[in-house]
Amino acid sequence: MNNPFILDACALIALLANEPGAENVIKIIQDAIDGDIIVKINQINLLEVYYDVCKIYGEDAANNALETIRKLPIEIIVGLSDEVFRKAGQIKSKYKIPLGDAIAMAECKINNGILVTSDHKDFEPMEKLENLKINWFRDVLKTPVT
């Protein structure tokens, strides 16, 4: 099986809110349903999704969104392995990015994964420096075919 796709919070937020690029996230989820790829998200990044939905739409909507996500073929990585813990700390100290982004990137580095994000500001500077594989789900020209 290919490299796992690691979701940044913005990918699930785009999917839930039907934002631009949601169709590319749907394609990734469909490929996971078909068994062609593995999709993962760290619980901390999922917390960012829950928080965002809760802040905008309320607790009931956030709980419903969480239940919907849990029915999808997305492996939720609970907690941080020691390796991801250390790598995320190193990434955050080096690049001064948000903690959730550092965790998503660390998961990608440790799992040899492909980060699914639209966050050019935080990840584009690191893409080449860290040899990071990124699926820019909002940017059709930069989104690799799964």
C-alpha atoms as a PDB file:
ATOM      1  CA  MET A   1       0.000   0.000   0.000  1.00  0.00           C
ATOM      2  CA  ASN A   2       1.135   3.564  -0.695  1.00  0.00           C
ATOM      3  CA  ASN A   3       2.225   6.187   1.801  1.00  0.00           C
ATOM      4  CA  PRO A   4      -0.544   7.110   4.255  1.00  0.00           C
ATOM      5  CA  PHE A   5      -2.360  10.398   3.808  1.00  0.00           C
ATOM      6  CA  ILE A   6      -2.172  12.459   7.000  1.00  0.00           C
ATOM      7  CA  LEU A   7      -4.966  15.000   7.340  1.00  0.00           C
ATOM      8  CA  ASP A   8      -4.387  18.488   8.642  1.00  0.00           C
ATOM      9  CA  ALA A   9      -7.452  19.920  10.415  1.00  0.00           C
ATOM     10  CA  CYS A  10      -8.196  22.259   7.514  1.00  0.00           C
ATOM     11  CA  ALA A  11      -8.888  19.279   5.211  1.00  0.00           C
ATOM     12  CA  LEU A  12     -11.728  17.975   7.393  1.00  0.00           C
ATOM     13  CA  ILE A  13     -13.025  21.483   8.018  1.00  0.00           C
ATOM     14  CA  ALA A  14     -13.198  22.033   4.245  1.00  0.00           C
ATOM     15  CA  LEU A  15     -15.014  18.719   3.852  1.00  0.00           C
ATOM     16  CA  LEU A  16     -17.548  19.442   6.598  1.00  0.00           C
ATOM     17  CA  ALA A  17     -18.216  23.014   5.424  1.00  0.00           C
ATOM     18  CA  ASN A  18     -18.137  22.122   1.704  1.00  0.00           C
ATOM     19  CA  GLU A  19     -15.420  24.711   1.158  1.00  0.00           C
ATOM     20  CA  PRO A  20     -13.299  24.966  -2.005  1.00  0.00           C
ATOM     21  CA  GLY A  21     -11.203  21.831  -2.370  1.00  0.00           C
ATOM     22  CA  ALA A  22     -13.713  19.637  -0.520  1.00  0.00           C
ATOM     23  CA  GLU A  23     -14.067  17.540  -3.673  1.00  0.00           C
ATOM     24  CA  ASN A  24     -10.367  16.614  -3.432  1.00  0.00           C
ATOM     25  CA  VAL A  25     -10.775  15.571   0.204  1.00  0.00           C
ATOM     26  CA  ILE A  26     -13.840  13.524  -0.809  1.00  0.00           C
ATOM     27  CA  LYS A  27     -11.688  11.794  -3.451  1.00  0.00           C
ATOM     28  CA  ILE A  28      -9.106  10.896  -0.813  1.00  0.00           C
ATOM     29  CA  ILE A  29     -11.844   9.529   1.489  1.00  0.00           C
ATOM     30  CA  GLN A  30     -13.324   7.552  -1.409  1.00  0.00           C
ATOM     31  CA  ASP A  31      -9.913   6.064  -2.183  1.00  0.00           C
ATOM     32  CA  ALA A  32      -9.715   4.995   1.474  1.00  0.00           C
ATOM     33  CA  ILE A  33     -13.196   3.434   1.260  1.00  0.00           C
ATOM     34  CA  ASP A  34     -12.033   1.546  -1.837  1.00  0.00           C
ATOM     35  CA  GLY A  35      -9.004   0.321   0.107  1.00  0.00           C
ATOM     36  CA  ASP A  36      -6.505   2.034  -2.193  1.00  0.00           C
ATOM     37  CA  ILE A  37      -4.963   4.268   0.484  1.00  0.00           C
ATOM     38  CA  ILE A  38      -4.734   4.708   4.238  1.00  0.00           C
ATOM     39  CA  VAL A  39      -5.914   7.984   5.776  1.00  0.00           C
ATOM     40  CA  LYS A  40      -4.934   9.115   9.274  1.00  0.00           C
ATOM     41  CA  ILE A  41      -5.339  12.122  11.540  1.00  0.00           C
ATOM     42  CA  ASN A  42      -3.795  12.763  14.910  1.00  0.00           C
ATOM     43  CA  GLN A  43      -6.297  13.251  17.716  1.00  0.00           C
ATOM     44  CA  ILE A  44      -4.843  16.734  18.358  1.00  0.00           C
ATOM     45  CA  ASN A  45      -5.642  17.767  14.773  1.00  0.00           C
ATOM     46  CA  LEU A  46      -9.111  16.280  15.169  1.00  0.00           C
ATOM     47  CA  LEU A  47      -9.482  18.413  18.303  1.00  0.00           C
ATOM     48  CA  GLU A  48      -8.805  21.461  16.114  1.00  0.00           C
ATOM     49  CA  VAL A  49     -11.694  20.412  13.849  1.00  0.00           C
ATOM     50  CA  TYR A  50     -14.005  19.875  16.835  1.00  0.00           C
ATOM     51  CA  TYR A  51     -13.016  23.253  18.307  1.00  0.00           C
ATOM     52  CA  ASP A  52     -13.588  25.066  15.000  1.00  0.00           C
ATOM     53  CA  VAL A  53     -17.058  23.563  14.490  1.00  0.00           C
ATOM     54  CA  CYS A  54     -17.969  24.161  18.152  1.00  0.00           C
ATOM     55  CA  LYS A  55     -16.852  27.803  17.979  1.00  0.00           C
ATOM     56  CA  ILE A  56     -18.837  28.547  14.809  1.00  0.00           C
ATOM     57  CA  TYR A  57     -21.882  26.260  15.009  1.00  0.00           C
ATOM     58  CA  GLY A  58     -22.101  25.134  18.627  1.00  0.00           C
ATOM     59  CA  GLU A  59     -21.543  22.025  20.679  1.00  0.00           C
ATOM     60  CA  ASP A  60     -24.305  19.899  19.121  1.00  0.00           C
ATOM     61  CA  ALA A  61     -22.956  20.515  15.620  1.00  0.00           C
ATOM     62  CA  ALA A  62     -19.430  19.727  16.798  1.00  0.00           C
ATOM     63  CA  ASN A  63     -20.585  16.448  18.359  1.00  0.00           C
ATOM     64  CA  ASN A  64     -22.453  15.528  15.162  1.00  0.00           C
ATOM     65  CA  ALA A  65     -19.388  16.370  13.054  1.00  0.00           C
ATOM     66  CA  LEU A  66     -17.198  14.211  15.284  1.00  0.00           C
ATOM     67  CA  GLU A  67     -19.577  11.256  14.954  1.00  0.00           C
ATOM     68  CA  THR A  68     -19.636  11.704  11.164  1.00  0.00           C
ATOM     69  CA  ILE A  69     -15.839  11.762  11.029  1.00  0.00           C
ATOM     70  CA  ARG A  70     -15.590   8.642  13.194  1.00  0.00           C
ATOM     71  CA  LYS A  71     -17.687   6.749  10.614  1.00  0.00           C
ATOM     72  CA  LEU A  72     -15.219   7.570   7.839  1.00  0.00           C
ATOM     73  CA  PRO A  73     -12.249   5.319   7.023  1.00  0.00           C
ATOM     74  CA  ILE A  74      -9.851   7.611   8.872  1.00  0.00           C
ATOM     75  CA  GLU A  75      -7.540   6.165  11.482  1.00  0.00           C
ATOM     76  CA  ILE A  76      -7.473   8.474  14.492  1.00  0.00           C
ATOM     77  CA  ILE A  77      -4.018   8.403  16.036  1.00  0.00           C
ATOM     78  CA  VAL A  78      -4.633   8.690  19.764  1.00  0.00           C
ATOM     79  CA  GLY A  79      -1.942  10.549  21.655  1.00  0.00           C
ATOM     80  CA  LEU A  80       1.636  11.059  20.613  1.00  0.00           C
ATOM     81  CA  SER A  81       4.246   8.373  20.265  1.00  0.00           C
ATOM     82  CA  ASP A  82       7.583   9.316  21.794  1.00  0.00           C
ATOM     83  CA  GLU A  83       8.998   9.694  18.281  1.00  0.00           C
ATOM     84  CA  VAL A  84       6.204  12.038  17.126  1.00  0.00           C
ATOM     85  CA  PHE A  85       6.411  13.934  20.432  1.00  0.00           C
ATOM     86  CA  ARG A  86      10.102  14.668  19.893  1.00  0.00           C
ATOM     87  CA  LYS A  87       9.815  15.376  16.164  1.00  0.00           C
ATOM     88  CA  ALA A  88       6.888  17.784  16.694  1.00  0.00           C
ATOM     89  CA  GLY A  89       8.869  19.628  19.367  1.00  0.00           C
ATOM     90  CA  GLN A  90      11.873  19.915  17.051  1.00  0.00           C
ATOM     91  CA  ILE A  91       9.712  21.125  14.153  1.00  0.00           C
ATOM     92  CA  LYS A  92       7.882  23.681  16.290  1.00  0.00           C
ATOM     93  CA  SER A  93      11.111  25.081  17.705  1.00  0.00           C
ATOM     94  CA  LYS A  94      12.751  25.284  14.275  1.00  0.00           C
ATOM     95  CA  TYR A  95       9.850  26.722  12.250  1.00  0.00           C
ATOM     96  CA  LYS A  96       7.702  28.493  14.887  1.00  0.00           C
ATOM     97  CA  ILE A  97       4.470  27.010  13.515  1.00  0.00           C
ATOM     98  CA  PRO A  98       1.285  26.201  15.455  1.00  0.00           C
ATOM     99  CA  LEU A  99       1.449  23.061  17.592  1.00  0.00           C
ATOM    100  CA  GLY A 100      -1.234  21.237  15.588  1.00  0.00           C
ATOM    101  CA  ASP A 101       0.700  21.830  12.368  1.00  0.00           C
ATOM    102  CA  ALA A 102       3.919  20.596  13.994  1.00  0.00           C
ATOM    103  CA  ILE A 103       2.124  17.409  15.065  1.00  0.00           C
ATOM    104  CA  ALA A 104       0.657  16.820  11.589  1.00  0.00           C
ATOM    105  CA  MET A 105       4.068  17.341  10.020  1.00  0.00           C
ATOM    106  CA  ALA A 106       5.737  15.057  12.571  1.00  0.00           C
ATOM    107  CA  GLU A 107       3.178  12.327  11.820  1.00  0.00           C
ATOM    108  CA  CYS A 108       4.026  12.705   8.129  1.00  0.00           C
ATOM    109  CA  LYS A 109       7.758  12.525   8.733  1.00  0.00           C
ATOM    110  CA  ILE A 110       7.540   9.498  11.045  1.00  0.00           C
ATOM    111  CA  ASN A 111       4.989   7.618   8.896  1.00  0.00           C
ATOM    112  CA  ASN A 112       6.504   8.646   5.536  1.00  0.00           C
ATOM    113  CA  GLY A 113       3.107  10.152   4.815  1.00  0.00           C
ATOM    114  CA  ILE A 114       1.561  12.713   2.521  1.00  0.00           C
ATOM    115  CA  LEU A 115       0.196  15.765   4.315  1.00  0.00           C
ATOM    116  CA  VAL A 116      -3.277  16.857   3.144  1.00  0.00           C
ATOM    117  CA  THR A 117      -3.499  20.593   3.773  1.00  0.00           C
ATOM    118  CA  SER A 118      -4.215  23.989   2.281  1.00  0.00           C
ATOM    119  CA  ASP A 119      -1.995  25.842   4.728  1.00  0.00           C
ATOM    120  CA  HIS A 120       0.606  27.284   2.366  1.00  0.00           C
ATOM    121  CA  LYS A 121       1.763  29.848   4.936  1.00  0.00           C
ATOM    122  CA  ASP A 122       2.992  27.276   7.438  1.00  0.00           C
ATOM    123  CA  PHE A 123       3.953  24.336   5.231  1.00  0.00           C
ATOM    124  CA  GLU A 124       5.202  25.715   1.914  1.00  0.00           C
ATOM    125  CA  PRO A 125       8.489  27.004   3.391  1.00  0.00           C
ATOM    126  CA  MET A 126       9.164  23.513   4.790  1.00  0.00           C
ATOM    127  CA  GLU A 127       8.069  21.500   1.768  1.00  0.00           C
ATOM    128  CA  LYS A 128      11.513  21.414   0.155  1.00  0.00           C
ATOM    129  CA  LEU A 129      13.629  21.954   3.283  1.00  0.00           C
ATOM    130  CA  GLU A 130      12.118  18.920   5.000  1.00  0.00           C
ATOM    131  CA  ASN A 131      11.386  16.875   1.867  1.00  0.00           C
ATOM    132  CA  LEU A 132       7.731  16.971   2.897  1.00  0.00           C
ATOM    133  CA  LYS A 133       5.161  15.354   0.606  1.00  0.00           C
ATOM    134  CA  ILE A 134       2.084  17.571   0.433  1.00  0.00           C
ATOM    135  CA  ASN A 135      -1.317  17.198  -1.193  1.00  0.00           C
ATOM    136  CA  TRP A 136      -2.505  20.810  -1.551  1.00  0.00           C
ATOM    137  CA  PHE A 137      -6.193  19.936  -1.683  1.00  0.00           C
ATOM    138  CA  ARG A 138      -7.363  23.433  -2.691  1.00  0.00           C
ATOM    139  CA  ASP A 139      -4.734  23.877  -5.379  1.00  0.00           C
ATOM    140  CA  VAL A 140      -5.610  21.665  -8.329  1.00  0.00           C
ATOM    141  CA  LEU A 141      -2.252  22.170 -10.032  1.00  0.00           C
ATOM    142  CA  LYS A 142      -0.282  21.123  -6.945  1.00  0.00           C
ATOM    143  CA  THR A 143      -2.544  18.302  -5.784  1.00  0.00           C
ATOM    144  CA  PRO A 144      -1.057  14.910  -6.707  1.00  0.00           C
ATOM    145  CA  VAL A 145      -3.447  12.311  -8.044  1.00  0.00           C
ATOM    146  CA  THR A 146      -4.135   9.571  -5.519  1.00  0.00           C
END
